[in-house]
Amino acid sequence: MSASQPEPTATATVPATAGSVPGPAPVPEAGSLTPSPKNRRILRATLRWTAALLVFATVGAGTAYGIAGMQRTDVPGLGTASDGRWVYPTLTKPPLPSGSPGPLAAENKAGTHYADLRDLVLPAPKGATADAALRGTDGWLPTKDLLAEYGEKTDREELAQKFTDHGLRHIAARGWTTPDGTHTRVYLLQFDTAAVVDELTGQIAPYGGPGYQLRGAVDSVSDDGFPAKARIEDVTQVVYTESKPYGAEQTRHAYLAVGDVFALVVQSRKGAANPVPFQQTVTLQNQLLG
């Protein structure tokens, strides 16, 4: 070989494995074939930290995704505070006599509730103390006990005459007090027809303010804050709240007209009456009557 010819390049052969084709492998640069012990330690440490960072990044991303995909109440310490609504038992409408329509059925022109009125009064929520004074006799309340809700003697006398003239049949009622001190009273008055109830509603519960003020709530006005979505179709609902400044307690009340039943729902509480349980109670009583 002449001096002008280049030296041949050194090559190494990689042993063949299953599915591979043997071929030349590149030779590292001179001086790098055998790393020093110090370099090997640095290399291993670098690889370990790289792997750890990858694991932490993966776990962190997974945790963030998990929290983002959970409901707020599933994450410890992030539970949404209660808005004050009560826990009522499961509500079930009483069965109707065979062949009898519901009060809002098109064929029920009089709007008659054929179910027992006493079974249509909303039950007390969990933890409440029942008001024994509203149990009445066999579940029927004397008219004078309902009239006691009204402050003025002349109003009580006038309402008593109206109820008599319009053929009041009977009253079913229930009352309770919850642990926060809210006192609730529910009265269901049944008349002969829905037409009678509609007439009474216009006289007792006009828009803007009640026709007859409740005891201790002489400044009640229309409750414009009652949510529209809580109202039920085909049910007349007129809602009032005692405006500021009120006395030792605040009172909220609503009149409901559903077929042949005229209902009064009252809630009062020392300080201020929470609107949420009131809206909940009115809505559930509406559903039972409708």
Protein backbone atom coordinates (compact mmCIF):
# COMPACT_ATOMS: atom_id res chain seq x y z
CA MET A 1 0.00 0.00 0.00
CA SER A 2 1.37 3.36 -0.98
CA ALA A 3 1.88 6.20 1.45
CA SER A 4 -0.74 8.33 -0.39
CA GLN A 5 -3.62 5.97 0.38
CA PRO A 6 -5.76 6.73 3.51
CA GLU A 7 -5.79 4.40 6.48
CA PRO A 8 -8.88 2.12 6.62
CA THR A 9 -11.62 3.18 9.13
CA ALA A 10 -12.03 0.85 12.13
CA THR A 11 -15.48 -0.81 12.47
CA ALA A 12 -17.13 -3.08 15.04
CA THR A 13 -19.76 -5.66 14.35
CA VAL A 14 -22.95 -5.78 16.53
CA PRO A 15 -23.97 -9.37 17.22
CA ALA A 16 -27.26 -10.33 15.54
CA THR A 17 -30.40 -10.88 17.64
CA ALA A 18 -33.77 -12.26 16.69
CA GLY A 19 -35.37 -9.97 14.12
CA SER A 20 -32.30 -7.79 13.72
CA VAL A 21 -29.80 -7.47 10.91
CA PRO A 22 -26.13 -7.40 11.84
CA GLY A 23 -24.25 -4.38 10.72
CA PRO A 24 -21.51 -2.00 11.64
CA ALA A 25 -21.87 0.11 14.75
CA PRO A 26 -20.28 3.55 15.02
CA VAL A 27 -17.13 3.71 17.05
CA PRO A 28 -17.03 6.36 19.83
CA GLU A 29 -14.47 9.06 19.58
CA ALA A 30 -11.06 8.40 20.95
CA GLY A 31 -10.87 8.68 24.73
CA SER A 32 -14.61 8.13 25.31
CA LEU A 33 -14.84 4.33 25.01
CA THR A 34 -14.40 3.84 28.76
CA PRO A 35 -15.88 6.56 30.99
CA SER A 36 -14.08 7.28 34.20
CA PRO A 37 -15.69 6.16 37.51
CA LYS A 38 -16.43 9.81 38.33
CA ASN A 39 -18.23 10.32 35.00
CA ARG A 40 -20.24 7.13 35.49
CA ARG A 41 -21.46 8.36 38.90
CA ILE A 42 -22.51 11.71 37.46
CA LEU A 43 -24.34 9.98 34.59
CA ARG A 44 -26.25 7.64 36.91
CA ALA A 45 -27.25 10.52 39.22
CA THR A 46 -28.47 12.56 36.25
CA LEU A 47 -30.59 9.67 34.99
CA ARG A 48 -32.09 9.08 38.42
CA TRP A 49 -33.12 12.73 38.85
CA THR A 50 -34.54 12.87 35.33
CA ALA A 51 -36.66 9.80 36.00
CA ALA A 52 -37.84 11.21 39.35
CA LEU A 53 -38.85 14.50 37.76
CA LEU A 54 -40.82 12.67 35.11
CA VAL A 55 -42.65 10.67 37.79
CA PHE A 56 -43.43 13.79 39.81
CA ALA A 57 -44.69 15.61 36.72
CA THR A 58 -46.93 12.68 35.79
CA VAL A 59 -48.33 12.25 39.29
CA GLY A 60 -48.87 16.00 39.67
CA ALA A 61 -50.73 16.23 36.37
CA GLY A 62 -52.87 13.24 37.34
CA THR A 63 -53.73 14.75 40.73
CA ALA A 64 -54.67 18.10 39.20
CA TYR A 65 -56.85 16.36 36.63
CA GLY A 66 -58.47 14.28 39.35
CA ILE A 67 -59.38 17.31 41.46
CA ALA A 68 -60.60 19.23 38.42
CA GLY A 69 -62.84 16.31 37.49
CA MET A 70 -64.31 15.85 40.98
CA GLN A 71 -67.37 17.50 42.42
CA ARG A 72 -66.60 20.24 44.92
CA THR A 73 -68.10 18.21 47.76
CA ASP A 74 -65.82 15.25 46.91
CA VAL A 75 -62.69 17.17 47.84
CA PRO A 76 -61.96 17.29 51.59
CA GLY A 77 -62.10 20.84 52.88
CA LEU A 78 -63.93 22.17 49.81
CA GLY A 79 -67.49 21.11 50.67
CA THR A 80 -70.14 23.65 49.70
CA ALA A 81 -71.84 25.18 52.72
CA SER A 82 -75.54 24.45 53.22
CA ASP A 83 -77.87 27.14 51.88
CA GLY A 84 -80.33 26.49 54.71
CA ARG A 85 -82.76 24.12 53.01
CA TRP A 86 -84.39 21.47 55.16
CA VAL A 87 -84.47 17.69 54.78
CA TYR A 88 -88.04 16.58 54.19
CA PRO A 89 -89.19 12.97 54.11
CA THR A 90 -89.95 11.46 50.72
CA LEU A 91 -93.24 12.96 49.57
CA THR A 92 -95.93 10.76 48.08
CA LYS A 93 -99.35 11.95 47.03
CA PRO A 94 -102.19 9.94 48.57
CA PRO A 95 -104.03 7.64 46.15
CA LEU A 96 -107.20 8.93 44.55
CA PRO A 97 -110.45 6.97 44.67
CA SER A 98 -110.83 4.79 41.61
CA GLY A 99 -111.82 6.80 38.55
CA SER A 100 -111.37 10.19 40.25
CA PRO A 101 -109.34 12.86 38.41
CA GLY A 102 -106.72 15.11 39.97
CA PRO A 103 -107.67 18.67 40.94
CA LEU A 104 -105.99 20.19 37.87
CA ALA A 105 -107.29 17.67 35.34
CA ALA A 106 -109.22 19.19 32.44
CA GLU A 107 -112.28 17.04 33.15
CA ASN A 108 -112.35 18.18 36.81
CA LYS A 109 -114.22 21.45 36.25
CA ALA A 110 -114.74 22.12 39.99
CA GLY A 111 -111.09 21.49 40.82
CA THR A 112 -112.10 19.02 43.51
CA HIS A 113 -109.44 17.32 45.62
CA TYR A 114 -110.79 13.80 45.99
CA ALA A 115 -107.95 12.71 48.27
CA ASP A 116 -108.27 13.22 52.02
CA LEU A 117 -107.20 16.80 52.72
CA ARG A 118 -105.39 15.74 55.89
CA ASP A 119 -103.04 13.63 53.76
CA LEU A 120 -102.16 16.62 51.59
CA VAL A 121 -100.62 18.74 54.35
CA LEU A 122 -96.83 18.92 54.04
CA PRO A 123 -95.07 16.82 56.72
CA ALA A 124 -92.52 18.37 59.06
CA PRO A 125 -88.84 18.22 58.03
CA LYS A 126 -86.20 16.15 59.79
CA GLY A 127 -85.31 17.38 63.27
CA ALA A 128 -88.39 19.61 63.68
CA THR A 129 -90.63 19.70 66.74
CA ALA A 130 -94.33 19.35 65.96
CA ASP A 131 -96.77 22.08 66.99
CA ALA A 132 -99.39 20.21 69.01
CA ALA A 133 -101.76 23.20 68.93
CA LEU A 134 -102.36 22.70 65.19
CA ARG A 135 -103.30 19.03 65.32
CA GLY A 136 -106.96 19.83 65.88
CA THR A 137 -109.52 17.09 66.47
CA ASP A 138 -109.13 14.07 64.20
CA GLY A 139 -106.87 16.25 62.07
CA TRP A 140 -109.48 19.01 61.53
CA LEU A 141 -108.67 22.46 62.87
CA PRO A 142 -111.33 24.88 64.21
CA THR A 143 -111.65 28.05 62.14
CA LYS A 144 -110.87 30.23 65.18
CA ASP A 145 -107.37 28.71 65.37
CA LEU A 146 -106.62 29.81 61.82
CA LEU A 147 -108.08 33.27 62.47
CA ALA A 148 -105.66 33.69 65.38
CA GLU A 149 -102.94 34.27 62.75
CA TYR A 150 -104.47 37.71 62.02
CA GLY A 151 -103.73 40.67 64.24
CA GLU A 152 -106.82 42.86 64.03
CA LYS A 153 -110.10 41.81 65.67
CA THR A 154 -112.12 43.35 62.87
CA ASP A 155 -110.10 41.40 60.30
CA ARG A 156 -110.75 38.14 62.15
CA GLU A 157 -114.47 38.83 62.26
CA GLU A 158 -114.60 39.80 58.58
CA LEU A 159 -112.64 36.72 57.49
CA ALA A 160 -114.83 34.44 59.62
CA GLN A 161 -117.89 35.78 57.82
CA LYS A 162 -116.24 35.38 54.41
CA PHE A 163 -115.38 31.77 55.11
CA THR A 164 -118.94 31.08 56.21
CA ASP A 165 -120.47 32.84 53.22
CA HIS A 166 -118.22 30.96 50.80
CA GLY A 167 -119.00 27.57 52.28
CA LEU A 168 -115.79 26.59 54.06
CA ARG A 169 -115.97 22.83 54.56
CA HIS A 170 -113.00 22.14 56.83
CA ILE A 171 -109.38 23.03 57.62
CA ALA A 172 -106.39 20.70 57.84
CA ALA A 173 -103.20 22.09 59.36
CA ARG A 174 -99.72 21.29 60.61
CA GLY A 175 -97.03 23.28 62.36
CA TRP A 176 -93.45 22.75 63.54
CA THR A 177 -90.35 24.52 64.83
CA THR A 178 -86.88 23.70 63.48
CA PRO A 179 -83.67 23.83 65.57
CA ASP A 180 -82.80 27.28 64.19
CA GLY A 181 -86.00 28.67 65.73
CA THR A 182 -88.07 28.99 62.55
CA HIS A 183 -91.78 28.43 63.29
CA THR A 184 -93.83 27.13 60.35
CA ARG A 185 -97.60 26.86 60.04
CA VAL A 186 -99.48 25.34 57.09
CA TYR A 187 -103.27 25.63 56.70
CA LEU A 188 -105.37 24.01 53.97
CA LEU A 189 -108.93 25.31 53.61
CA GLN A 190 -111.31 23.34 51.39
CA PHE A 191 -114.31 24.86 49.67
CA ASP A 192 -116.89 23.53 47.21
CA THR A 193 -115.33 24.69 43.94
CA ALA A 194 -112.23 26.28 42.42
CA ALA A 195 -114.36 29.29 41.41
CA VAL A 196 -115.04 30.06 45.07
CA VAL A 197 -111.33 29.81 45.87
CA ASP A 198 -110.43 32.13 43.01
CA GLU A 199 -112.87 34.75 44.33
CA LEU A 200 -111.48 34.53 47.86
CA THR A 201 -107.90 34.78 46.60
CA GLY A 202 -108.62 38.09 44.91
CA GLN A 203 -110.05 39.49 48.16
CA ILE A 204 -107.53 38.09 50.68
CA ALA A 205 -104.33 37.99 48.64
CA PRO A 206 -104.12 40.89 46.18
CA TYR A 207 -100.80 41.67 44.54
CA GLY A 208 -98.66 44.30 46.26
CA GLY A 209 -99.75 43.58 49.82
CA PRO A 210 -102.09 41.26 51.73
CA GLY A 211 -105.70 42.21 52.23
CA TYR A 212 -105.43 41.20 55.88
CA GLN A 213 -102.19 41.59 57.83
CA LEU A 214 -100.90 38.76 60.00
CA ARG A 215 -100.29 39.17 63.71
CA GLY A 216 -96.89 40.80 64.25
CA ALA A 217 -96.36 41.43 60.53
CA VAL A 218 -98.23 44.64 59.84
CA ASP A 219 -95.80 45.77 57.14
CA SER A 220 -95.92 42.78 54.81
CA VAL A 221 -95.44 43.49 51.11
CA SER A 222 -95.18 41.46 47.92
CA ASP A 223 -92.06 39.26 47.93
CA ASP A 224 -90.49 40.08 44.57
CA GLY A 225 -87.43 38.01 45.47
CA PHE A 226 -89.31 34.73 45.32
CA PRO A 227 -87.73 32.87 42.35
CA ALA A 228 -89.93 32.44 39.31
CA LYS A 229 -88.59 28.92 38.72
CA ALA A 230 -90.06 27.88 42.08
CA ARG A 231 -93.57 28.63 40.85
CA ILE A 232 -95.78 25.85 39.51
CA GLU A 233 -97.93 26.07 36.40
CA ASP A 234 -101.70 26.26 36.95
CA VAL A 235 -101.23 27.08 40.65
CA THR A 236 -102.02 30.59 41.89
CA GLN A 237 -99.35 31.67 44.35
CA VAL A 238 -99.14 35.04 46.08
CA VAL A 239 -96.10 35.56 48.30
CA TYR A 240 -95.42 38.23 50.92
CA THR A 241 -92.55 39.18 53.21
CA GLU A 242 -92.36 41.53 56.16
CA SER A 243 -90.35 44.57 55.14
CA LYS A 244 -87.71 46.30 57.25
CA PRO A 245 -87.69 47.57 59.87
CA TYR A 246 -89.50 44.64 61.48
CA GLY A 247 -89.72 43.85 65.17
CA ALA A 248 -88.21 41.00 67.16
CA GLU A 249 -88.92 38.53 64.37
CA GLN A 250 -89.59 38.52 60.63
CA THR A 251 -92.57 36.80 59.03
CA ARG A 252 -92.97 35.42 55.51
CA HIS A 253 -96.24 34.02 54.21
CA ALA A 254 -97.88 32.80 51.02
CA TYR A 255 -101.39 32.06 49.80
CA LEU A 256 -101.89 29.19 47.38
CA ALA A 257 -105.00 28.50 45.31
CA VAL A 258 -105.12 24.98 43.90
CA GLY A 259 -108.52 23.80 42.72
CA ASP A 260 -110.97 23.86 45.64
CA VAL A 261 -108.21 24.38 48.24
CA PHE A 262 -107.06 27.75 49.55
CA ALA A 263 -103.80 27.40 51.53
CA LEU A 264 -101.81 29.63 53.84
CA VAL A 265 -98.12 28.97 54.60
CA VAL A 266 -96.49 31.08 57.34
CA GLN A 267 -92.88 31.13 58.57
CA SER A 268 -91.52 33.40 61.27
CA ARG A 269 -88.15 33.56 63.01
CA LYS A 270 -86.43 35.77 65.54
CA GLY A 271 -84.15 38.21 63.76
CA ALA A 272 -84.70 37.33 60.08
CA ALA A 273 -86.52 34.48 58.37
CA ASN A 274 -84.32 32.61 55.88
CA PRO A 275 -85.96 32.79 52.42
CA VAL A 276 -84.60 29.40 51.27
CA PRO A 277 -86.59 27.07 53.56
CA PHE A 278 -89.65 29.25 53.01
CA GLN A 279 -89.37 28.89 49.23
CA GLN A 280 -88.75 25.16 49.66
CA THR A 281 -91.79 24.71 51.92
CA VAL A 282 -94.13 26.66 49.65
CA THR A 283 -92.97 24.77 46.55
CA LEU A 284 -93.35 21.33 48.16
CA GLN A 285 -96.82 22.16 49.47
CA ASN A 286 -97.77 23.30 45.98
CA GLN A 287 -96.58 20.01 44.52
CA LEU A 288 -98.64 17.99 47.00
CA LEU A 289 -101.77 19.97 46.23
CA GLY A 290 -101.31 19.91 42.46
